[in-house]
Amino acid sequence: MNTFGEFFKITIFGESHGPAIGVVMDGVPENIPLDESDFELDIARRAPGAAGTTARRESDRPKILSGVLDGYTTGAPLTIVFWNSNIQSQDYTLFDDIPRPGHADLVANIKFNYANDPRGGGHFSGRLTLPIVAAGVVAKKIIKAVF
């Protein structure tokens, strides 16, 4: 499932080792102040570095592509992208044949009839939590503005 919600709907896209990952949010009201710097604190909280997490480092800088004009949401779908740059896909070639225990490799292969992108977990990578965190930042702003 890539789309969540009813009134505030989010769709995540991309793969861990593709060019980018991101989120499209529909149902964002107009005139909510929003800037790319608004995401810094929450994004920093999900950064890798703790024991047992990936050593991969990405800038994790959001780029707002649509839905914001002059620092305020427009009411149109809001799209935020995160470009991937630290990609070492060769580290994952072993998992083409041997799924990792505790990961979604086997389930993803079964679901997508072995067409899943295995590099870095593909669309099932922990990296896909990043656009969900971004959607959470926007959701908190919506709640603050409405209530």
N, C-alpha and C. Protein backbone atom coordinates (compact mmCIF):
# COMPACT_ATOMS: atom_id res chain seq x y z
N MET A 1 0.85 -1.18 0.00
CA MET A 1 0.00 0.00 0.00
C MET A 1 0.89 1.23 0.00
N ASN A 2 0.64 2.14 -0.89
CA ASN A 2 1.44 3.35 -1.03
C ASN A 2 0.66 4.61 -0.71
N THR A 3 -0.66 4.51 -0.63
CA THR A 3 -1.51 5.66 -0.36
C THR A 3 -2.27 5.42 0.94
N PHE A 4 -2.27 6.44 1.79
CA PHE A 4 -2.89 6.34 3.11
C PHE A 4 -3.79 7.55 3.33
N GLY A 5 -4.87 7.37 4.08
CA GLY A 5 -5.70 8.48 4.50
C GLY A 5 -6.95 8.66 3.68
N GLU A 6 -7.83 9.52 4.20
CA GLU A 6 -9.07 9.85 3.51
C GLU A 6 -9.16 11.34 3.23
N PHE A 7 -9.16 12.16 4.28
CA PHE A 7 -9.27 13.61 4.10
C PHE A 7 -7.90 14.23 3.83
N PHE A 8 -6.90 13.74 4.54
CA PHE A 8 -5.50 14.10 4.32
C PHE A 8 -4.85 12.85 3.78
N LYS A 9 -4.65 12.80 2.48
CA LYS A 9 -4.19 11.60 1.81
C LYS A 9 -2.73 11.76 1.41
N ILE A 10 -1.92 10.76 1.72
CA ILE A 10 -0.52 10.79 1.31
C ILE A 10 -0.22 9.59 0.42
N THR A 11 0.63 9.82 -0.56
CA THR A 11 1.14 8.75 -1.41
C THR A 11 2.65 8.85 -1.42
N ILE A 12 3.32 7.78 -1.00
CA ILE A 12 4.78 7.77 -1.04
C ILE A 12 5.23 7.14 -2.35
N PHE A 13 6.42 7.56 -2.82
CA PHE A 13 6.94 7.02 -4.07
C PHE A 13 8.45 6.93 -4.02
N GLY A 14 8.99 6.11 -4.92
CA GLY A 14 10.43 5.99 -5.08
C GLY A 14 10.99 4.72 -4.45
N GLU A 15 12.28 4.52 -4.69
CA GLU A 15 13.02 3.40 -4.13
C GLU A 15 14.30 3.92 -3.50
N SER A 16 14.81 3.15 -2.56
CA SER A 16 15.99 3.53 -1.81
C SER A 16 17.18 3.87 -2.71
N HIS A 17 17.35 3.11 -3.79
CA HIS A 17 18.50 3.33 -4.66
C HIS A 17 18.10 3.89 -6.03
N GLY A 18 16.88 4.39 -6.13
CA GLY A 18 16.47 5.11 -7.33
C GLY A 18 16.93 6.55 -7.23
N PRO A 19 16.54 7.40 -8.17
CA PRO A 19 16.99 8.79 -8.13
C PRO A 19 16.42 9.60 -6.98
N ALA A 20 15.21 9.25 -6.52
CA ALA A 20 14.58 10.04 -5.47
C ALA A 20 13.47 9.24 -4.79
N ILE A 21 13.09 9.72 -3.62
CA ILE A 21 11.90 9.25 -2.92
C ILE A 21 11.09 10.48 -2.58
N GLY A 22 9.81 10.29 -2.26
CA GLY A 22 9.03 11.47 -1.92
C GLY A 22 7.61 11.15 -1.53
N VAL A 23 6.84 12.22 -1.39
CA VAL A 23 5.46 12.10 -0.95
C VAL A 23 4.61 13.14 -1.66
N VAL A 24 3.41 12.73 -2.03
CA VAL A 24 2.39 13.65 -2.54
C VAL A 24 1.28 13.67 -1.50
N MET A 25 0.90 14.87 -1.06
CA MET A 25 -0.15 15.03 -0.06
C MET A 25 -1.33 15.77 -0.68
N ASP A 26 -2.50 15.18 -0.54
CA ASP A 26 -3.72 15.81 -1.02
C ASP A 26 -4.61 16.06 0.18
N GLY A 27 -5.30 17.19 0.18
CA GLY A 27 -6.13 17.57 1.31
C GLY A 27 -5.45 18.55 2.24
N VAL A 28 -4.35 19.15 1.77
CA VAL A 28 -3.66 20.17 2.56
C VAL A 28 -4.38 21.49 2.34
N PRO A 29 -4.89 22.10 3.41
CA PRO A 29 -5.60 23.37 3.25
C PRO A 29 -4.67 24.49 2.75
N GLU A 30 -5.27 25.51 2.19
CA GLU A 30 -4.49 26.65 1.72
C GLU A 30 -4.08 27.54 2.90
N ASN A 31 -3.05 28.37 2.64
CA ASN A 31 -2.58 29.42 3.56
C ASN A 31 -1.95 28.92 4.85
N ILE A 32 -1.37 27.72 4.82
CA ILE A 32 -0.59 27.25 5.96
C ILE A 32 0.87 27.58 5.67
N PRO A 33 1.55 28.29 6.57
CA PRO A 33 2.95 28.61 6.31
C PRO A 33 3.79 27.33 6.24
N LEU A 34 4.61 27.23 5.20
CA LEU A 34 5.43 26.03 5.03
C LEU A 34 6.70 26.39 4.28
N ASP A 35 7.81 25.98 4.86
CA ASP A 35 9.13 26.22 4.29
C ASP A 35 9.93 24.94 4.43
N GLU A 36 10.89 24.73 3.56
CA GLU A 36 11.71 23.52 3.62
C GLU A 36 12.43 23.38 4.96
N SER A 37 12.75 24.48 5.61
CA SER A 37 13.42 24.41 6.92
C SER A 37 12.50 23.88 8.02
N ASP A 38 11.19 23.89 7.80
CA ASP A 38 10.24 23.39 8.80
C ASP A 38 10.42 21.89 9.06
N PHE A 39 11.08 21.19 8.17
CA PHE A 39 11.21 19.74 8.27
C PHE A 39 12.46 19.30 9.03
N GLU A 40 13.39 20.21 9.27
CA GLU A 40 14.71 19.86 9.79
C GLU A 40 14.68 19.07 11.09
N LEU A 41 13.94 19.53 12.08
CA LEU A 41 13.95 18.89 13.40
C LEU A 41 13.43 17.46 13.34
N ASP A 42 12.29 17.26 12.72
CA ASP A 42 11.71 15.91 12.64
C ASP A 42 12.57 14.98 11.79
N ILE A 43 13.14 15.50 10.71
CA ILE A 43 14.00 14.67 9.87
C ILE A 43 15.26 14.28 10.62
N ALA A 44 15.81 15.17 11.40
CA ALA A 44 17.02 14.87 12.18
C ALA A 44 16.75 13.75 13.19
N ARG A 45 15.53 13.67 13.69
CA ARG A 45 15.19 12.64 14.68
C ARG A 45 15.17 11.24 14.08
N ARG A 46 15.00 11.11 12.77
CA ARG A 46 14.95 9.77 12.15
C ARG A 46 16.27 9.41 11.46
N ALA A 47 17.27 10.26 11.57
CA ALA A 47 18.53 10.02 10.88
C ALA A 47 19.22 8.76 11.41
N PRO A 48 19.92 8.04 10.54
CA PRO A 48 20.64 6.85 10.99
C PRO A 48 21.83 7.24 11.87
N GLY A 49 22.39 6.25 12.52
CA GLY A 49 23.57 6.49 13.34
C GLY A 49 23.54 5.70 14.63
N ALA A 50 22.36 5.31 15.07
CA ALA A 50 22.27 4.50 16.28
C ALA A 50 22.77 3.08 15.98
N ALA A 51 23.11 2.36 17.02
CA ALA A 51 23.58 0.98 16.85
C ALA A 51 22.53 0.16 16.11
N GLY A 52 23.00 -0.62 15.13
CA GLY A 52 22.11 -1.49 14.38
C GLY A 52 21.43 -0.83 13.20
N THR A 53 21.70 0.45 12.95
CA THR A 53 21.10 1.13 11.82
C THR A 53 22.11 1.25 10.68
N THR A 54 21.65 1.68 9.55
CA THR A 54 22.50 1.78 8.35
C THR A 54 23.60 2.83 8.53
N ALA A 55 24.70 2.57 7.88
CA ALA A 55 25.80 3.55 7.87
C ALA A 55 25.62 4.56 6.74
N ARG A 56 24.64 4.35 5.91
CA ARG A 56 24.39 5.23 4.77
C ARG A 56 24.05 6.64 5.26
N ARG A 57 24.65 7.63 4.61
CA ARG A 57 24.39 9.03 4.94
C ARG A 57 23.84 9.74 3.72
N GLU A 58 22.72 10.41 3.90
CA GLU A 58 22.10 11.21 2.85
C GLU A 58 21.83 12.59 3.44
N SER A 59 21.72 13.59 2.58
CA SER A 59 21.44 14.95 3.07
C SER A 59 20.03 15.05 3.63
N ASP A 60 19.11 14.26 3.09
CA ASP A 60 17.72 14.26 3.53
C ASP A 60 17.09 15.65 3.49
N ARG A 61 17.52 16.47 2.55
CA ARG A 61 16.94 17.81 2.39
C ARG A 61 15.69 17.74 1.54
N PRO A 62 14.57 18.25 2.07
CA PRO A 62 13.34 18.22 1.29
C PRO A 62 13.37 19.28 0.20
N LYS A 63 12.77 18.96 -0.92
CA LYS A 63 12.57 19.92 -1.99
C LYS A 63 11.07 19.93 -2.29
N ILE A 64 10.44 21.07 -2.02
CA ILE A 64 9.02 21.21 -2.29
C ILE A 64 8.85 21.50 -3.77
N LEU A 65 8.15 20.60 -4.47
CA LEU A 65 7.97 20.75 -5.91
C LEU A 65 6.66 21.43 -6.28
N SER A 66 5.64 21.24 -5.47
CA SER A 66 4.34 21.85 -5.79
C SER A 66 3.51 22.00 -4.52
N GLY A 67 2.52 22.89 -4.59
CA GLY A 67 1.59 23.07 -3.49
C GLY A 67 1.94 24.19 -2.53
N VAL A 68 3.03 24.91 -2.80
CA VAL A 68 3.44 26.04 -1.95
C VAL A 68 3.81 27.21 -2.85
N LEU A 69 3.33 28.38 -2.49
CA LEU A 69 3.67 29.61 -3.20
C LEU A 69 3.94 30.70 -2.18
N ASP A 70 5.08 31.34 -2.31
CA ASP A 70 5.47 32.43 -1.41
C ASP A 70 5.38 32.04 0.06
N GLY A 71 5.75 30.77 0.37
CA GLY A 71 5.82 30.33 1.75
C GLY A 71 4.51 29.85 2.36
N TYR A 72 3.47 29.72 1.54
CA TYR A 72 2.17 29.26 2.04
C TYR A 72 1.62 28.18 1.13
N THR A 73 0.94 27.20 1.74
CA THR A 73 0.30 26.17 0.94
C THR A 73 -0.79 26.79 0.09
N THR A 74 -1.02 26.18 -1.07
CA THR A 74 -1.99 26.73 -2.03
C THR A 74 -3.32 25.99 -2.03
N GLY A 75 -3.37 24.82 -1.38
CA GLY A 75 -4.57 23.98 -1.43
C GLY A 75 -4.46 22.92 -2.51
N ALA A 76 -3.52 23.07 -3.42
CA ALA A 76 -3.26 22.06 -4.45
C ALA A 76 -2.42 20.94 -3.82
N PRO A 77 -2.34 19.78 -4.46
CA PRO A 77 -1.51 18.71 -3.92
C PRO A 77 -0.08 19.20 -3.66
N LEU A 78 0.43 18.82 -2.51
CA LEU A 78 1.77 19.20 -2.07
C LEU A 78 2.71 18.05 -2.36
N THR A 79 3.77 18.31 -3.11
CA THR A 79 4.74 17.27 -3.45
C THR A 79 6.10 17.65 -2.91
N ILE A 80 6.70 16.71 -2.17
CA ILE A 80 8.03 16.91 -1.60
C ILE A 80 8.89 15.74 -2.05
N VAL A 81 10.09 16.06 -2.51
CA VAL A 81 11.01 15.03 -3.00
C VAL A 81 12.31 15.11 -2.20
N PHE A 82 12.95 13.95 -2.06
CA PHE A 82 14.26 13.83 -1.43
C PHE A 82 15.15 13.09 -2.42
N TRP A 83 16.20 13.75 -2.88
CA TRP A 83 17.09 13.13 -3.87
C TRP A 83 18.03 12.16 -3.18
N ASN A 84 18.24 11.01 -3.79
CA ASN A 84 19.19 10.02 -3.29
C ASN A 84 20.55 10.29 -3.92
N SER A 85 21.60 10.24 -3.12
CA SER A 85 22.93 10.48 -3.67
C SER A 85 23.95 9.44 -3.23
N ASN A 86 23.82 8.88 -2.04
CA ASN A 86 24.77 7.91 -1.52
C ASN A 86 24.27 6.50 -1.84
N ILE A 87 24.43 6.12 -3.09
CA ILE A 87 23.90 4.85 -3.57
C ILE A 87 25.05 3.90 -3.87
N GLN A 88 25.05 2.76 -3.20
CA GLN A 88 26.06 1.73 -3.45
C GLN A 88 25.33 0.41 -3.71
N SER A 89 24.70 0.35 -4.85
CA SER A 89 23.81 -0.78 -5.18
C SER A 89 24.53 -2.11 -5.22
N GLN A 90 25.83 -2.11 -5.53
CA GLN A 90 26.57 -3.37 -5.60
C GLN A 90 26.56 -4.11 -4.26
N ASP A 91 26.35 -3.40 -3.16
CA ASP A 91 26.31 -4.04 -1.85
C ASP A 91 25.12 -4.97 -1.69
N TYR A 92 24.17 -4.92 -2.62
CA TYR A 92 22.93 -5.68 -2.47
C TYR A 92 22.77 -6.81 -3.49
N THR A 93 23.78 -7.08 -4.32
CA THR A 93 23.64 -8.10 -5.36
C THR A 93 23.41 -9.49 -4.78
N LEU A 94 23.96 -9.79 -3.64
CA LEU A 94 23.77 -11.09 -3.00
C LEU A 94 22.29 -11.36 -2.73
N PHE A 95 21.53 -10.31 -2.45
CA PHE A 95 20.13 -10.49 -2.06
C PHE A 95 19.20 -10.74 -3.25
N ASP A 96 19.75 -10.75 -4.46
CA ASP A 96 18.96 -11.17 -5.63
C ASP A 96 18.56 -12.64 -5.47
N ASP A 97 19.46 -13.43 -4.87
CA ASP A 97 19.23 -14.87 -4.74
C ASP A 97 18.92 -15.31 -3.31
N ILE A 98 19.40 -14.56 -2.34
CA ILE A 98 19.23 -14.94 -0.93
C ILE A 98 18.56 -13.79 -0.18
N PRO A 99 17.27 -13.91 0.13
CA PRO A 99 16.61 -12.81 0.85
C PRO A 99 17.17 -12.66 2.27
N ARG A 100 17.22 -11.44 2.74
CA ARG A 100 17.72 -11.17 4.09
C ARG A 100 16.67 -11.53 5.13
N PRO A 101 17.06 -12.28 6.15
CA PRO A 101 16.13 -12.56 7.24
C PRO A 101 15.75 -11.25 7.94
N GLY A 102 14.49 -11.10 8.27
CA GLY A 102 14.05 -9.91 8.98
C GLY A 102 13.77 -8.72 8.09
N HIS A 103 13.94 -8.87 6.78
CA HIS A 103 13.66 -7.80 5.83
C HIS A 103 12.50 -8.22 4.93
N ALA A 104 12.03 -7.30 4.14
CA ALA A 104 10.88 -7.56 3.27
C ALA A 104 11.28 -8.13 1.91
N ASP A 105 12.53 -8.53 1.75
CA ASP A 105 13.01 -8.99 0.45
C ASP A 105 12.14 -10.11 -0.13
N LEU A 106 11.92 -11.17 0.62
CA LEU A 106 11.15 -12.31 0.10
C LEU A 106 9.70 -11.92 -0.14
N VAL A 107 9.09 -11.24 0.81
CA VAL A 107 7.69 -10.82 0.66
C VAL A 107 7.53 -9.91 -0.55
N ALA A 108 8.47 -8.97 -0.73
CA ALA A 108 8.41 -8.06 -1.89
C ALA A 108 8.53 -8.83 -3.19
N ASN A 109 9.42 -9.81 -3.21
CA ASN A 109 9.58 -10.62 -4.43
C ASN A 109 8.30 -11.39 -4.75
N ILE A 110 7.69 -11.94 -3.72
CA ILE A 110 6.45 -12.69 -3.96
C ILE A 110 5.35 -11.73 -4.41
N LYS A 111 5.22 -10.59 -3.72
CA LYS A 111 4.16 -9.63 -4.06
C LYS A 111 4.29 -9.14 -5.50
N PHE A 112 5.52 -8.86 -5.92
CA PHE A 112 5.74 -8.28 -7.24
C PHE A 112 6.32 -9.29 -8.24
N ASN A 113 6.11 -10.58 -7.98
CA ASN A 113 6.51 -11.63 -8.91
C ASN A 113 7.99 -11.50 -9.33
N TYR A 114 8.83 -11.27 -8.36
CA TYR A 114 10.28 -11.14 -8.52
C TYR A 114 10.70 -9.98 -9.42
N ALA A 115 9.86 -8.96 -9.52
CA ALA A 115 10.21 -7.75 -10.26
C ALA A 115 10.61 -6.62 -9.31
N ASN A 116 10.58 -6.87 -8.00
CA ASN A 116 10.93 -5.86 -7.01
C ASN A 116 12.38 -5.42 -7.17
N ASP A 117 12.65 -4.15 -6.92
CA ASP A 117 14.01 -3.61 -6.92
C ASP A 117 14.66 -4.00 -5.59
N PRO A 118 15.66 -4.89 -5.60
CA PRO A 118 16.24 -5.36 -4.34
C PRO A 118 17.29 -4.41 -3.74
N ARG A 119 17.73 -3.43 -4.50
CA ARG A 119 18.83 -2.57 -4.04
C ARG A 119 18.38 -1.76 -2.82
N GLY A 120 19.02 -2.01 -1.71
CA GLY A 120 18.73 -1.25 -0.50
C GLY A 120 17.34 -1.48 0.04
N GLY A 121 16.69 -2.54 -0.39
CA GLY A 121 15.32 -2.80 0.05
C GLY A 121 14.28 -2.20 -0.88
N GLY A 122 14.73 -1.46 -1.91
CA GLY A 122 13.81 -0.89 -2.89
C GLY A 122 12.75 -0.02 -2.25
N HIS A 123 11.50 -0.29 -2.58
CA HIS A 123 10.38 0.49 -2.03
C HIS A 123 10.05 0.06 -0.60
N PHE A 124 10.71 -0.99 -0.12
CA PHE A 124 10.48 -1.49 1.24
C PHE A 124 11.61 -1.08 2.18
N SER A 125 12.44 -0.16 1.75
CA SER A 125 13.57 0.31 2.54
C SER A 125 13.11 1.19 3.70
N GLY A 126 13.88 1.16 4.77
CA GLY A 126 13.62 2.08 5.88
C GLY A 126 13.74 3.53 5.44
N ARG A 127 14.42 3.77 4.35
CA ARG A 127 14.55 5.13 3.82
C ARG A 127 13.19 5.73 3.46
N LEU A 128 12.22 4.86 3.16
CA LEU A 128 10.87 5.35 2.81
C LEU A 128 10.11 5.88 4.02
N THR A 129 10.73 5.81 5.21
CA THR A 129 10.12 6.48 6.37
C THR A 129 10.29 7.99 6.26
N LEU A 130 11.28 8.43 5.50
CA LEU A 130 11.55 9.87 5.35
C LEU A 130 10.37 10.65 4.79
N PRO A 131 9.76 10.23 3.68
CA PRO A 131 8.59 10.98 3.21
C PRO A 131 7.40 10.89 4.16
N ILE A 132 7.31 9.82 4.93
CA ILE A 132 6.23 9.71 5.92
C ILE A 132 6.45 10.72 7.05
N VAL A 133 7.70 10.89 7.45
CA VAL A 133 8.02 11.91 8.46
C VAL A 133 7.67 13.30 7.92
N ALA A 134 7.99 13.55 6.65
CA ALA A 134 7.65 14.85 6.05
C ALA A 134 6.15 15.08 6.07
N ALA A 135 5.38 14.04 5.78
CA ALA A 135 3.92 14.17 5.82
C ALA A 135 3.46 14.45 7.24
N GLY A 136 4.12 13.88 8.22
CA GLY A 136 3.80 14.15 9.62
C GLY A 136 4.02 15.59 10.00
N VAL A 137 5.09 16.19 9.48
CA VAL A 137 5.35 17.61 9.73
C VAL A 137 4.20 18.46 9.21
N VAL A 138 3.75 18.15 8.00
CA VAL A 138 2.64 18.90 7.40
C VAL A 138 1.35 18.64 8.19
N ALA A 139 1.12 17.40 8.59
CA ALA A 139 -0.08 17.07 9.35
C ALA A 139 -0.13 17.86 10.66
N LYS A 140 1.00 17.99 11.34
CA LYS A 140 1.05 18.77 12.59
C LYS A 140 0.72 20.23 12.33
N LYS A 141 1.19 20.76 11.21
CA LYS A 141 0.87 22.15 10.87
C LYS A 141 -0.62 22.32 10.57
N ILE A 142 -1.21 21.33 9.90
CA ILE A 142 -2.64 21.38 9.60
C ILE A 142 -3.44 21.36 10.91
N ILE A 143 -3.08 20.47 11.82
CA ILE A 143 -3.80 20.38 13.10
C ILE A 143 -3.69 21.69 13.86
N LYS A 144 -2.51 22.27 13.88
CA LYS A 144 -2.31 23.55 14.58
C LYS A 144 -3.14 24.65 13.96
N ALA A 145 -3.23 24.67 12.63
CA ALA A 145 -3.96 25.72 11.93
C ALA A 145 -5.48 25.57 12.07
N VAL A 146 -5.95 24.33 12.10
CA VAL A 146 -7.39 24.07 12.12
C VAL A 146 -7.95 24.08 13.54
N PHE A 147 -7.19 23.58 14.48
CA PHE A 147 -7.69 23.49 15.84
C PHE A 147 -7.00 24.52 16.68
